[in-house]
């Protein structure tokens, strides 16, 4: 197997198909399509209930994607729920937070998408705006808006010019978590990408949904980081660590 294996977190919700109706592990097909288009192999990561399971899962992967979805429970960042915040998804919050911590601790490249970026911020002690008036998208419809990279960041290395991105969210990063820096903004100053600095693997989040567009560069950056990690481990053995600095 030569392509890096990219694990993507999933929903666990009721679903119905044919004669069946039962709890199911779900993921929009656009996520694995984007991974494949970017040179990786995609696997789904159903929720588990322990930090040990997250560490074992991450150890078997070359990179992790935390997918978009429901609002993060405000209690996770010490806030009282706003009436416009959606119902909590506690099991998913716990599982994905465990995946994020395991990926950072084990130096496995990580990409958070929309909710995934927000959860990355919360995992490192940051907070969220629970509602933005005039937020992008509504009633299940994606909207487009421009995003400008911050020079010198890992995101800017992957996508050096301003682009228009597909987005659907009403929450956003407020106070940045420990070690995180903004990698891109919208014209109104909303943080649209963030990344972990001083770390030797790529840890990146984007507020928009690259799987819903045609620009593959963000996912390609993750797949390349995953490929480097895979090669380093193969060459140096099971006790190896990634290179001293992640490059895109």
C-alpha atoms as a PDB file:
ATOM      1  CA  UNK A   1       0.000   0.000   0.000  1.00  0.00           C
ATOM      2  CA  UNK A   2       1.622   3.269  -1.091  1.00  0.00           C
ATOM      3  CA  UNK A   3      -1.086   5.897  -0.672  1.00  0.00           C
ATOM      4  CA  UNK A   4      -1.428   7.351   2.842  1.00  0.00           C
ATOM      5  CA  UNK A   5      -4.475   6.312   4.861  1.00  0.00           C
ATOM      6  CA  UNK A   6      -6.640   9.214   6.016  1.00  0.00           C
ATOM      7  CA  UNK A   7      -9.220   8.597   8.735  1.00  0.00           C
ATOM      8  CA  UNK A   8     -12.367  10.784   8.727  1.00  0.00           C
ATOM      9  CA  UNK A   9     -14.603  11.179  11.772  1.00  0.00           C
ATOM     10  CA  UNK A  10     -18.284  10.347  11.285  1.00  0.00           C
ATOM     11  CA  UNK A  11     -21.787  11.072  12.525  1.00  0.00           C
ATOM     12  CA  UNK A  12     -23.782   8.506  14.470  1.00  0.00           C
ATOM     13  CA  UNK A  13     -27.449   9.193  13.769  1.00  0.00           C
ATOM     14  CA  UNK A  14     -30.661   7.311  12.981  1.00  0.00           C
ATOM     15  CA  UNK A  15     -30.971   6.449   9.284  1.00  0.00           C
ATOM     16  CA  UNK A  16     -33.432   4.606   7.079  1.00  0.00           C
ATOM     17  CA  UNK A  17     -32.782   2.631   3.891  1.00  0.00           C
ATOM     18  CA  UNK A  18     -34.811  -0.141   2.306  1.00  0.00           C
ATOM     19  CA  UNK A  19     -36.533  -2.049   5.110  1.00  0.00           C
ATOM     20  CA  UNK A  20     -33.958  -0.933   7.690  1.00  0.00           C
ATOM     21  CA  UNK A  21     -34.158   1.871  10.227  1.00  0.00           C
ATOM     22  CA  UNK A  22     -31.510   1.963  12.940  1.00  0.00           C
ATOM     23  CA  UNK A  23     -28.584   3.956  14.395  1.00  0.00           C
ATOM     24  CA  UNK A  24     -25.973   4.365  11.669  1.00  0.00           C
ATOM     25  CA  UNK A  25     -22.497   5.716  11.109  1.00  0.00           C
ATOM     26  CA  UNK A  26     -22.764   8.411   8.435  1.00  0.00           C
ATOM     27  CA  UNK A  27     -20.428  10.593   6.404  1.00  0.00           C
ATOM     28  CA  UNK A  28     -21.193  12.755   3.350  1.00  0.00           C
ATOM     29  CA  UNK A  29     -19.621  11.099   0.305  1.00  0.00           C
ATOM     30  CA  UNK A  30     -17.883  14.356  -0.638  1.00  0.00           C
ATOM     31  CA  UNK A  31     -15.293  13.812   2.121  1.00  0.00           C
ATOM     32  CA  UNK A  32     -13.834  10.505   0.876  1.00  0.00           C
ATOM     33  CA  UNK A  33     -14.089  11.792  -2.710  1.00  0.00           C
ATOM     34  CA  UNK A  34     -11.882  14.737  -1.787  1.00  0.00           C
ATOM     35  CA  UNK A  35      -9.379  12.473  -0.023  1.00  0.00           C
ATOM     36  CA  UNK A  36      -9.157  10.218  -3.074  1.00  0.00           C
ATOM     37  CA  UNK A  37      -8.848  13.201  -5.443  1.00  0.00           C
ATOM     38  CA  UNK A  38      -5.971  14.458  -3.293  1.00  0.00           C
ATOM     39  CA  UNK A  39      -4.046  11.178  -3.441  1.00  0.00           C
ATOM     40  CA  UNK A  40      -5.107   9.472  -0.213  1.00  0.00           C
ATOM     41  CA  UNK A  41      -7.131   6.442   0.860  1.00  0.00           C
ATOM     42  CA  UNK A  42     -10.143   7.284   3.032  1.00  0.00           C
ATOM     43  CA  UNK A  43     -11.439   5.291   6.000  1.00  0.00           C
ATOM     44  CA  UNK A  44     -14.377   6.138   8.265  1.00  0.00           C
ATOM     45  CA  UNK A  45     -13.882   6.510  12.017  1.00  0.00           C
ATOM     46  CA  UNK A  46     -17.088   5.634  13.924  1.00  0.00           C
ATOM     47  CA  UNK A  47     -17.378   7.067  17.456  1.00  0.00           C
ATOM     48  CA  UNK A  48     -15.836   5.070  20.272  1.00  0.00           C
ATOM     49  CA  UNK A  49     -15.947   5.790  23.981  1.00  0.00           C
ATOM     50  CA  UNK A  50     -12.407   5.891  25.302  1.00  0.00           C
ATOM     51  CA  UNK A  51      -9.234   7.913  24.923  1.00  0.00           C
ATOM     52  CA  UNK A  52      -7.343   4.621  24.559  1.00  0.00           C
ATOM     53  CA  UNK A  53      -9.467   3.750  21.521  1.00  0.00           C
ATOM     54  CA  UNK A  54      -8.679   7.150  20.005  1.00  0.00           C
ATOM     55  CA  UNK A  55      -4.946   6.632  20.507  1.00  0.00           C
ATOM     56  CA  UNK A  56      -5.069   3.143  18.982  1.00  0.00           C
ATOM     57  CA  UNK A  57      -7.103   4.443  16.048  1.00  0.00           C
ATOM     58  CA  UNK A  58      -4.799   7.375  15.361  1.00  0.00           C
ATOM     59  CA  UNK A  59      -1.708   5.167  15.620  1.00  0.00           C
ATOM     60  CA  UNK A  60      -3.025   3.061  12.726  1.00  0.00           C
ATOM     61  CA  UNK A  61      -3.470   6.102  10.446  1.00  0.00           C
ATOM     62  CA  UNK A  62      -1.282   8.465   8.452  1.00  0.00           C
ATOM     63  CA  UNK A  63      -3.567  11.480   9.043  1.00  0.00           C
ATOM     64  CA  UNK A  64      -6.920  12.418  10.571  1.00  0.00           C
ATOM     65  CA  UNK A  65      -9.771  14.608   9.316  1.00  0.00           C
ATOM     66  CA  UNK A  66     -12.373  15.931  11.767  1.00  0.00           C
ATOM     67  CA  UNK A  67     -15.488  16.459   9.668  1.00  0.00           C
ATOM     68  CA  UNK A  68     -18.089  19.204   9.856  1.00  0.00           C
ATOM     69  CA  UNK A  69     -21.402  18.850  11.630  1.00  0.00           C
ATOM     70  CA  UNK A  70     -23.338  19.948  14.696  1.00  0.00           C
ATOM     71  CA  UNK A  71     -22.469  22.819  17.035  1.00  0.00           C
ATOM     72  CA  UNK A  72     -19.895  22.079  19.737  1.00  0.00           C
ATOM     73  CA  UNK A  73     -21.493  21.954  23.196  1.00  0.00           C
ATOM     74  CA  UNK A  74     -20.798  25.337  24.878  1.00  0.00           C
ATOM     75  CA  UNK A  75     -19.969  23.636  28.185  1.00  0.00           C
ATOM     76  CA  UNK A  76     -16.821  22.350  26.477  1.00  0.00           C
ATOM     77  CA  UNK A  77     -15.449  25.905  26.490  1.00  0.00           C
ATOM     78  CA  UNK A  78     -17.100  27.154  29.682  1.00  0.00           C
ATOM     79  CA  UNK A  79     -20.010  29.031  28.082  1.00  0.00           C
ATOM     80  CA  UNK A  80     -23.747  29.157  28.698  1.00  0.00           C
ATOM     81  CA  UNK A  81     -25.699  27.979  25.617  1.00  0.00           C
ATOM     82  CA  UNK A  82     -27.051  30.709  23.365  1.00  0.00           C
ATOM     83  CA  UNK A  83     -30.693  30.057  22.341  1.00  0.00           C
ATOM     84  CA  UNK A  84     -29.504  29.836  18.726  1.00  0.00           C
ATOM     85  CA  UNK A  85     -26.929  27.116  19.453  1.00  0.00           C
ATOM     86  CA  UNK A  86     -27.967  23.666  18.265  1.00  0.00           C
ATOM     87  CA  UNK A  87     -28.535  20.650  20.504  1.00  0.00           C
ATOM     88  CA  UNK A  88     -25.398  18.995  21.878  1.00  0.00           C
ATOM     89  CA  UNK A  89     -23.772  15.954  20.290  1.00  0.00           C
ATOM     90  CA  UNK A  90     -21.915  14.875  23.431  1.00  0.00           C
ATOM     91  CA  UNK A  91     -20.757  11.470  22.228  1.00  0.00           C
ATOM     92  CA  UNK A  92     -19.340  12.928  19.047  1.00  0.00           C
ATOM     93  CA  UNK A  93     -17.717  15.841  20.899  1.00  0.00           C
ATOM     94  CA  UNK A  94     -15.967  13.425  23.270  1.00  0.00           C
ATOM     95  CA  UNK A  95     -14.754  11.111  20.497  1.00  0.00           C
ATOM     96  CA  UNK A  96     -13.471  13.839  18.213  1.00  0.00           C
ATOM     97  CA  UNK A  97     -11.767  15.705  21.062  1.00  0.00           C
ATOM     98  CA  UNK A  98     -10.005  12.447  21.928  1.00  0.00           C
ATOM     99  CA  UNK A  99      -8.945  12.025  18.286  1.00  0.00           C
ATOM    100  CA  UNK A 100      -7.599  15.580  18.181  1.00  0.00           C
ATOM    101  CA  UNK A 101      -5.575  15.167  21.367  1.00  0.00           C
ATOM    102  CA  UNK A 102      -4.248  11.787  20.218  1.00  0.00           C
ATOM    103  CA  UNK A 103      -3.236  13.145  16.802  1.00  0.00           C
ATOM    104  CA  UNK A 104      -1.361  16.072  18.348  1.00  0.00           C
ATOM    105  CA  UNK A 105       0.334  13.888  20.965  1.00  0.00           C
ATOM    106  CA  UNK A 106       1.331  11.255  18.396  1.00  0.00           C
ATOM    107  CA  UNK A 107       2.418  13.811  15.762  1.00  0.00           C
ATOM    108  CA  UNK A 108      -0.143  12.592  13.223  1.00  0.00           C
ATOM    109  CA  UNK A 109      -1.191  15.257  10.662  1.00  0.00           C
ATOM    110  CA  UNK A 110      -4.658  16.640  11.354  1.00  0.00           C
ATOM    111  CA  UNK A 111      -7.210  18.661   9.383  1.00  0.00           C
ATOM    112  CA  UNK A 112     -10.351  20.077  10.988  1.00  0.00           C
ATOM    113  CA  UNK A 113     -13.173  21.124   8.660  1.00  0.00           C
ATOM    114  CA  UNK A 114     -15.795  23.665   9.846  1.00  0.00           C
ATOM    115  CA  UNK A 115     -16.969  22.106  13.143  1.00  0.00           C
ATOM    116  CA  UNK A 116     -13.638  20.266  13.107  1.00  0.00           C
ATOM    117  CA  UNK A 117     -11.737  23.564  13.133  1.00  0.00           C
ATOM    118  CA  UNK A 118     -13.937  24.891  15.933  1.00  0.00           C
ATOM    119  CA  UNK A 119     -13.386  21.708  17.947  1.00  0.00           C
ATOM    120  CA  UNK A 120      -9.617  21.950  17.416  1.00  0.00           C
ATOM    121  CA  UNK A 121      -9.754  25.436  18.889  1.00  0.00           C
ATOM    122  CA  UNK A 122     -11.811  24.229  21.862  1.00  0.00           C
ATOM    123  CA  UNK A 123      -9.495  21.237  22.403  1.00  0.00           C
ATOM    124  CA  UNK A 124      -6.602  23.653  22.951  1.00  0.00           C
ATOM    125  CA  UNK A 125      -8.492  25.924  25.329  1.00  0.00           C
ATOM    126  CA  UNK A 126     -10.069  28.386  22.889  1.00  0.00           C
ATOM    127  CA  UNK A 127     -13.638  29.647  22.741  1.00  0.00           C
ATOM    128  CA  UNK A 128     -16.304  30.146  20.081  1.00  0.00           C
ATOM    129  CA  UNK A 129     -18.747  32.815  18.974  1.00  0.00           C
ATOM    130  CA  UNK A 130     -22.023  30.910  19.306  1.00  0.00           C
ATOM    131  CA  UNK A 131     -23.824  32.903  16.624  1.00  0.00           C
ATOM    132  CA  UNK A 132     -22.803  35.357  13.924  1.00  0.00           C
ATOM    133  CA  UNK A 133     -25.552  37.589  12.555  1.00  0.00           C
ATOM    134  CA  UNK A 134     -25.672  37.371   8.781  1.00  0.00           C
ATOM    135  CA  UNK A 135     -23.761  34.089   8.870  1.00  0.00           C
ATOM    136  CA  UNK A 136     -22.874  32.330   5.644  1.00  0.00           C
ATOM    137  CA  UNK A 137     -25.401  29.820   4.381  1.00  0.00           C
ATOM    138  CA  UNK A 138     -28.860  29.044   5.653  1.00  0.00           C
ATOM    139  CA  UNK A 139     -31.481  26.296   5.560  1.00  0.00           C
ATOM    140  CA  UNK A 140     -28.953  23.768   4.284  1.00  0.00           C
ATOM    141  CA  UNK A 141     -27.663  25.993   1.458  1.00  0.00           C
ATOM    142  CA  UNK A 142     -23.953  26.684   1.099  1.00  0.00           C
ATOM    143  CA  UNK A 143     -22.831  30.235   0.403  1.00  0.00           C
ATOM    144  CA  UNK A 144     -19.576  31.538  -1.094  1.00  0.00           C
ATOM    145  CA  UNK A 145     -17.290  34.161   0.409  1.00  0.00           C
ATOM    146  CA  UNK A 146     -13.661  35.282  -0.026  1.00  0.00           C
ATOM    147  CA  UNK A 147     -10.850  34.102   2.253  1.00  0.00           C
ATOM    148  CA  UNK A 148      -7.454  35.796   2.461  1.00  0.00           C
ATOM    149  CA  UNK A 149      -4.388  33.903   3.732  1.00  0.00           C
ATOM    150  CA  UNK A 150      -2.044  35.240   6.409  1.00  0.00           C
ATOM    151  CA  UNK A 151       1.480  35.408   4.904  1.00  0.00           C
ATOM    152  CA  UNK A 152       4.002  33.049   6.416  1.00  0.00           C
ATOM    153  CA  UNK A 153       1.489  30.477   7.648  1.00  0.00           C
ATOM    154  CA  UNK A 154       1.212  26.849   6.627  1.00  0.00           C
ATOM    155  CA  UNK A 155      -2.179  27.612   5.104  1.00  0.00           C
ATOM    156  CA  UNK A 156      -0.659  30.383   2.985  1.00  0.00           C
ATOM    157  CA  UNK A 157       2.003  27.950   1.778  1.00  0.00           C
ATOM    158  CA  UNK A 158      -0.745  25.614   0.533  1.00  0.00           C
ATOM    159  CA  UNK A 159      -3.057  28.350  -0.804  1.00  0.00           C
ATOM    160  CA  UNK A 160      -1.021  31.542  -1.285  1.00  0.00           C
ATOM    161  CA  UNK A 161      -3.688  33.732  -2.869  1.00  0.00           C
ATOM    162  CA  UNK A 162      -7.193  34.871  -1.811  1.00  0.00           C
ATOM    163  CA  UNK A 163      -9.904  32.442  -2.936  1.00  0.00           C
ATOM    164  CA  UNK A 164     -13.682  32.180  -2.777  1.00  0.00           C
ATOM    165  CA  UNK A 165     -14.798  29.216  -0.674  1.00  0.00           C
ATOM    166  CA  UNK A 166     -18.048  27.284  -0.057  1.00  0.00           C
ATOM    167  CA  UNK A 167     -19.204  27.697   3.543  1.00  0.00           C
ATOM    168  CA  UNK A 168     -22.127  26.932   5.815  1.00  0.00           C
ATOM    169  CA  UNK A 169     -21.811  27.962   9.454  1.00  0.00           C
ATOM    170  CA  UNK A 170     -23.204  30.308  12.073  1.00  0.00           C
ATOM    171  CA  UNK A 171     -20.484  29.837  14.688  1.00  0.00           C
ATOM    172  CA  UNK A 172     -16.841  30.879  14.540  1.00  0.00           C
ATOM    173  CA  UNK A 173     -13.601  31.007  16.504  1.00  0.00           C
ATOM    174  CA  UNK A 174     -13.472  33.663  19.226  1.00  0.00           C
ATOM    175  CA  UNK A 175     -10.396  33.380  21.492  1.00  0.00           C
ATOM    176  CA  UNK A 176      -7.661  31.260  19.943  1.00  0.00           C
ATOM    177  CA  UNK A 177      -6.530  28.146  21.779  1.00  0.00           C
ATOM    178  CA  UNK A 178      -3.011  27.704  23.131  1.00  0.00           C
ATOM    179  CA  UNK A 179      -0.418  27.496  20.364  1.00  0.00           C
ATOM    180  CA  UNK A 180      -2.880  28.272  17.591  1.00  0.00           C
ATOM    181  CA  UNK A 181      -2.519  31.078  15.088  1.00  0.00           C
ATOM    182  CA  UNK A 182      -4.908  32.356  12.438  1.00  0.00           C
ATOM    183  CA  UNK A 183      -4.022  31.300   8.899  1.00  0.00           C
ATOM    184  CA  UNK A 184      -6.779  33.114   6.977  1.00  0.00           C
ATOM    185  CA  UNK A 185      -9.601  35.609   7.492  1.00  0.00           C
ATOM    186  CA  UNK A 186     -12.738  36.844   5.775  1.00  0.00           C
ATOM    187  CA  UNK A 187     -12.996  40.575   4.994  1.00  0.00           C
ATOM    188  CA  UNK A 188     -14.902  41.121   8.269  1.00  0.00           C
ATOM    189  CA  UNK A 189     -12.061  39.563  10.285  1.00  0.00           C
ATOM    190  CA  UNK A 190     -13.630  36.165  11.010  1.00  0.00           C
ATOM    191  CA  UNK A 191     -10.939  33.505  11.465  1.00  0.00           C
ATOM    192  CA  UNK A 192     -11.250  31.161   8.482  1.00  0.00           C
ATOM    193  CA  UNK A 193      -8.171  28.997   9.034  1.00  0.00           C
ATOM    194  CA  UNK A 194      -6.012  28.241  12.029  1.00  0.00           C
ATOM    195  CA  UNK A 195      -2.967  26.093  12.680  1.00  0.00           C
ATOM    196  CA  UNK A 196      -0.813  24.833  15.516  1.00  0.00           C
ATOM    197  CA  UNK A 197       2.587  26.519  15.553  1.00  0.00           C
ATOM    198  CA  UNK A 198       5.817  25.081  16.915  1.00  0.00           C
ATOM    199  CA  UNK A 199       4.642  21.536  16.212  1.00  0.00           C
ATOM    200  CA  UNK A 200       6.438  19.021  14.004  1.00  0.00           C
ATOM    201  CA  UNK A 201       3.374  17.802  12.133  1.00  0.00           C
ATOM    202  CA  UNK A 202       0.695  19.651  10.184  1.00  0.00           C
ATOM    203  CA  UNK A 203      -2.265  20.610  12.417  1.00  0.00           C
ATOM    204  CA  UNK A 204      -4.633  22.771  10.385  1.00  0.00           C
ATOM    205  CA  UNK A 205      -8.276  23.827  10.493  1.00  0.00           C
ATOM    206  CA  UNK A 206     -10.453  25.576   7.915  1.00  0.00           C
ATOM    207  CA  UNK A 207     -13.869  27.066   8.615  1.00  0.00           C
ATOM    208  CA  UNK A 208     -15.268  26.342   5.169  1.00  0.00           C
ATOM    209  CA  UNK A 209     -16.020  23.054   3.404  1.00  0.00           C
ATOM    210  CA  UNK A 210     -13.315  22.191   0.849  1.00  0.00           C
ATOM    211  CA  UNK A 211     -15.140  18.934   0.066  1.00  0.00           C
ATOM    212  CA  UNK A 212     -17.962  21.011  -1.439  1.00  0.00           C
ATOM    213  CA  UNK A 213     -15.704  22.906  -3.840  1.00  0.00           C
ATOM    214  CA  UNK A 214     -13.192  22.172  -6.573  1.00  0.00           C
ATOM    215  CA  UNK A 215      -9.985  23.386  -4.894  1.00  0.00           C
ATOM    216  CA  UNK A 216      -8.146  20.368  -3.486  1.00  0.00           C
ATOM    217  CA  UNK A 217      -5.057  22.160  -2.162  1.00  0.00           C
ATOM    218  CA  UNK A 218      -5.955  22.045   1.542  1.00  0.00           C
ATOM    219  CA  UNK A 219      -6.571  18.297   1.463  1.00  0.00           C
ATOM    220  CA  UNK A 220      -3.541  17.785  -0.764  1.00  0.00           C
ATOM    221  CA  UNK A 221      -1.397  19.503   1.890  1.00  0.00           C
ATOM    222  CA  UNK A 222      -2.722  17.042   4.480  1.00  0.00           C
ATOM    223  CA  UNK A 223      -2.153  14.016   2.228  1.00  0.00           C
ATOM    224  CA  UNK A 224       1.412  15.137   1.505  1.00  0.00           C
ATOM    225  CA  UNK A 225       2.098  15.547   5.224  1.00  0.00           C
ATOM    226  CA  UNK A 226       0.622  12.079   5.769  1.00  0.00           C
ATOM    227  CA  UNK A 227       2.822  10.619   3.042  1.00  0.00           C
ATOM    228  CA  UNK A 228       5.931  12.128   4.635  1.00  0.00           C
ATOM    229  CA  UNK A 229       4.996  10.657   7.997  1.00  0.00           C
ATOM    230  CA  UNK A 230       4.359   7.265   6.397  1.00  0.00           C
ATOM    231  CA  UNK A 231       7.739   7.313   4.645  1.00  0.00           C
ATOM    232  CA  UNK A 232       9.583   8.426   7.768  1.00  0.00           C
ATOM    233  CA  UNK A 233       8.050   5.635   9.846  1.00  0.00           C
ATOM    234  CA  UNK A 234       8.808   3.044   7.186  1.00  0.00           C
ATOM    235  CA  UNK A 235      12.432   4.152   6.910  1.00  0.00           C
ATOM    236  CA  UNK A 236      13.200   4.636  10.592  1.00  0.00           C
ATOM    237  CA  UNK A 237      11.097   1.954  12.306  1.00  0.00           C
ATOM    238  CA  UNK A 238       8.219   2.020  14.787  1.00  0.00           C
ATOM    239  CA  UNK A 239       9.919   4.323  17.277  1.00  0.00           C
ATOM    240  CA  UNK A 240      10.526   7.072  14.737  1.00  0.00           C
ATOM    241  CA  UNK A 241       9.259  10.609  15.043  1.00  0.00           C
ATOM    242  CA  UNK A 242       8.318  12.917  12.166  1.00  0.00           C
ATOM    243  CA  UNK A 243      10.822  15.477  10.837  1.00  0.00           C
ATOM    244  CA  UNK A 244      11.552  18.458  13.071  1.00  0.00           C
ATOM    245  CA  UNK A 245       9.235  20.730  11.103  1.00  0.00           C
ATOM    246  CA  UNK A 246       6.233  19.983   8.895  1.00  0.00           C
ATOM    247  CA  UNK A 247       6.495  21.463   5.412  1.00  0.00           C
ATOM    248  CA  UNK A 248       3.893  21.617   2.697  1.00  0.00           C
END
